[in-house]
Amino acid sequence: MKCKKCNNEMIKYVAGGDVEYICPVCDEEPATQIDNLIEFDSNQYIVKILTISDYDKSMLKIISQICGCNFLEAKRILEETGKEFKPMDALETRNLKKKLEEGKVQYDISPDFNW
């Protein structure tokens, strides 16, 4: 995460369950709620759909919607190939993660995604 004032890398502080970012140069803090800090996350995340052998129709439906493919292609993604998405920002990653979790589709995100 970069400081909007001086463009320096901000330092992450964790206190209990709260996470704060503070700039070491100008002591600037984002003027947002803790939940909105995701907007300042400048990391690029890669989401991968993992292959599985035990799936149901709801998983096929979610995969076909997310990937824009038919059920046969969704089946191939789940059984054989998996799917790696292009790098995304934190907000896009969170939206995709929610869809995958709703469909109970197994996935992996790198680097570690804490939102």
Protein backbone atom coordinates (compact mmCIF):
# COMPACT_ATOMS: atom_id res chain seq x y z
CA MET A 1 0.00 0.00 0.00
CA LYS A 2 1.34 3.42 -0.97
CA CYS A 3 0.83 6.72 0.81
CA LYS A 4 -1.35 9.07 -1.25
CA LYS A 5 0.55 12.09 0.06
CA CYS A 6 4.20 11.10 -0.56
CA ASN A 7 3.87 7.78 -2.49
CA ASN A 8 6.06 5.97 0.07
CA GLU A 9 5.28 2.38 1.13
CA MET A 10 3.06 2.39 4.23
CA ILE A 11 3.76 0.25 7.30
CA LYS A 12 1.13 -2.21 8.51
CA TYR A 13 0.29 -2.25 12.23
CA VAL A 14 -1.91 -4.97 13.71
CA ALA A 15 -3.52 -4.27 17.08
CA GLY A 16 -5.86 -7.03 18.22
CA GLY A 17 -8.27 -7.49 15.32
CA ASP A 18 -7.65 -4.04 13.84
CA VAL A 19 -5.22 -3.35 11.02
CA GLU A 20 -3.84 0.14 10.43
CA TYR A 21 -1.44 1.53 7.85
CA ILE A 22 0.77 4.51 8.62
CA CYS A 23 3.30 6.25 6.40
CA PRO A 24 6.78 6.27 8.01
CA VAL A 25 7.72 9.50 6.19
CA CYS A 26 4.79 11.85 6.70
CA ASP A 27 2.74 9.97 9.36
CA GLU A 28 -0.26 10.10 7.06
CA GLU A 29 -3.02 7.59 7.76
CA PRO A 30 -5.83 6.69 5.39
CA ALA A 31 -8.90 8.64 6.40
CA THR A 32 -11.19 5.64 6.12
CA GLN A 33 -12.73 2.94 8.21
CA ILE A 34 -10.73 -0.26 8.69
CA ASP A 35 -13.06 -2.08 6.25
CA ASN A 36 -12.27 0.42 3.49
CA LEU A 37 -8.50 -0.11 3.66
CA ILE A 38 -8.91 -2.68 0.90
CA GLU A 39 -9.19 0.28 -1.49
CA PHE A 40 -5.59 1.22 -0.64
CA ASP A 41 -4.22 -2.29 -1.23
CA SER A 42 -1.94 -2.01 -4.25
CA ASN A 43 -1.08 -5.73 -4.45
CA GLN A 44 -1.97 -7.80 -7.49
CA TYR A 45 -3.54 -11.15 -6.60
CA ILE A 46 -3.79 -14.31 -8.67
CA VAL A 47 -6.79 -16.57 -8.06
CA LYS A 48 -6.63 -20.23 -9.10
CA ILE A 49 -9.58 -22.60 -9.21
CA LEU A 50 -8.36 -25.97 -7.97
CA THR A 51 -9.30 -29.29 -9.53
CA ILE A 52 -11.62 -31.62 -7.64
CA SER A 53 -13.38 -34.89 -8.39
CA ASP A 54 -16.44 -34.49 -6.15
CA TYR A 55 -18.61 -31.59 -7.34
CA ASP A 56 -22.26 -30.81 -7.93
CA LYS A 57 -24.38 -28.83 -10.40
CA SER A 58 -24.19 -25.64 -8.34
CA MET A 59 -20.38 -25.65 -8.69
CA LEU A 60 -20.69 -26.12 -12.44
CA LYS A 61 -23.14 -23.24 -12.60
CA ILE A 62 -20.87 -20.90 -10.61
CA ILE A 63 -17.81 -21.83 -12.70
CA SER A 64 -19.70 -21.34 -15.96
CA GLN A 65 -20.93 -17.91 -14.82
CA ILE A 66 -17.53 -16.74 -13.58
CA CYS A 67 -15.56 -18.07 -16.56
CA GLY A 68 -18.20 -17.34 -19.20
CA CYS A 69 -18.27 -20.91 -20.46
CA ASN A 70 -20.72 -23.78 -20.87
CA PHE A 71 -21.19 -26.63 -18.39
CA LEU A 72 -18.91 -28.99 -20.33
CA GLU A 73 -16.03 -26.53 -20.15
CA ALA A 74 -16.80 -25.86 -16.46
CA LYS A 75 -16.66 -29.62 -15.86
CA ARG A 76 -13.26 -29.79 -17.58
CA ILE A 77 -12.00 -26.90 -15.42
CA LEU A 78 -13.11 -28.63 -12.22
CA GLU A 79 -11.89 -32.13 -13.16
CA GLU A 80 -8.76 -31.60 -15.22
CA THR A 81 -7.25 -28.19 -15.75
CA GLY A 82 -8.30 -25.78 -13.03
CA LYS A 83 -8.25 -22.12 -13.98
CA GLU A 84 -5.85 -19.30 -13.23
CA PHE A 85 -7.23 -15.78 -13.56
CA LYS A 86 -5.22 -12.75 -14.63
CA PRO A 87 -3.76 -10.65 -11.79
CA MET A 88 -6.45 -8.57 -10.07
CA ASP A 89 -6.57 -5.80 -7.52
CA ALA A 90 -7.90 -6.44 -4.02
CA LEU A 91 -11.50 -5.36 -4.71
CA GLU A 92 -11.82 -7.62 -7.78
CA THR A 93 -10.21 -10.47 -5.86
CA ARG A 94 -12.63 -10.07 -2.96
CA ASN A 95 -15.63 -10.15 -5.32
CA LEU A 96 -14.37 -13.29 -7.06
CA LYS A 97 -13.56 -14.91 -3.72
CA LYS A 98 -17.14 -14.31 -2.51
CA LYS A 99 -18.59 -15.93 -5.64
CA LEU A 100 -16.32 -18.95 -5.32
CA GLU A 101 -17.14 -19.36 -1.63
CA GLU A 102 -20.89 -19.15 -2.35
CA GLY A 103 -20.51 -22.03 -4.80
CA LYS A 104 -18.18 -23.91 -2.42
CA VAL A 105 -15.54 -24.04 -5.14
CA GLN A 106 -11.99 -24.72 -3.95
CA TYR A 107 -9.52 -21.99 -4.84
CA ASP A 108 -6.12 -20.58 -3.98
CA ILE A 109 -5.05 -16.93 -3.86
CA SER A 110 -1.46 -15.74 -4.00
CA PRO A 111 0.01 -13.77 -2.38
CA ASP A 112 -1.90 -14.28 0.88
CA PHE A 113 -5.23 -12.44 0.74
CA ASN A 114 -6.45 -11.13 4.11
CA TRP A 115 -9.61 -9.36 3.04
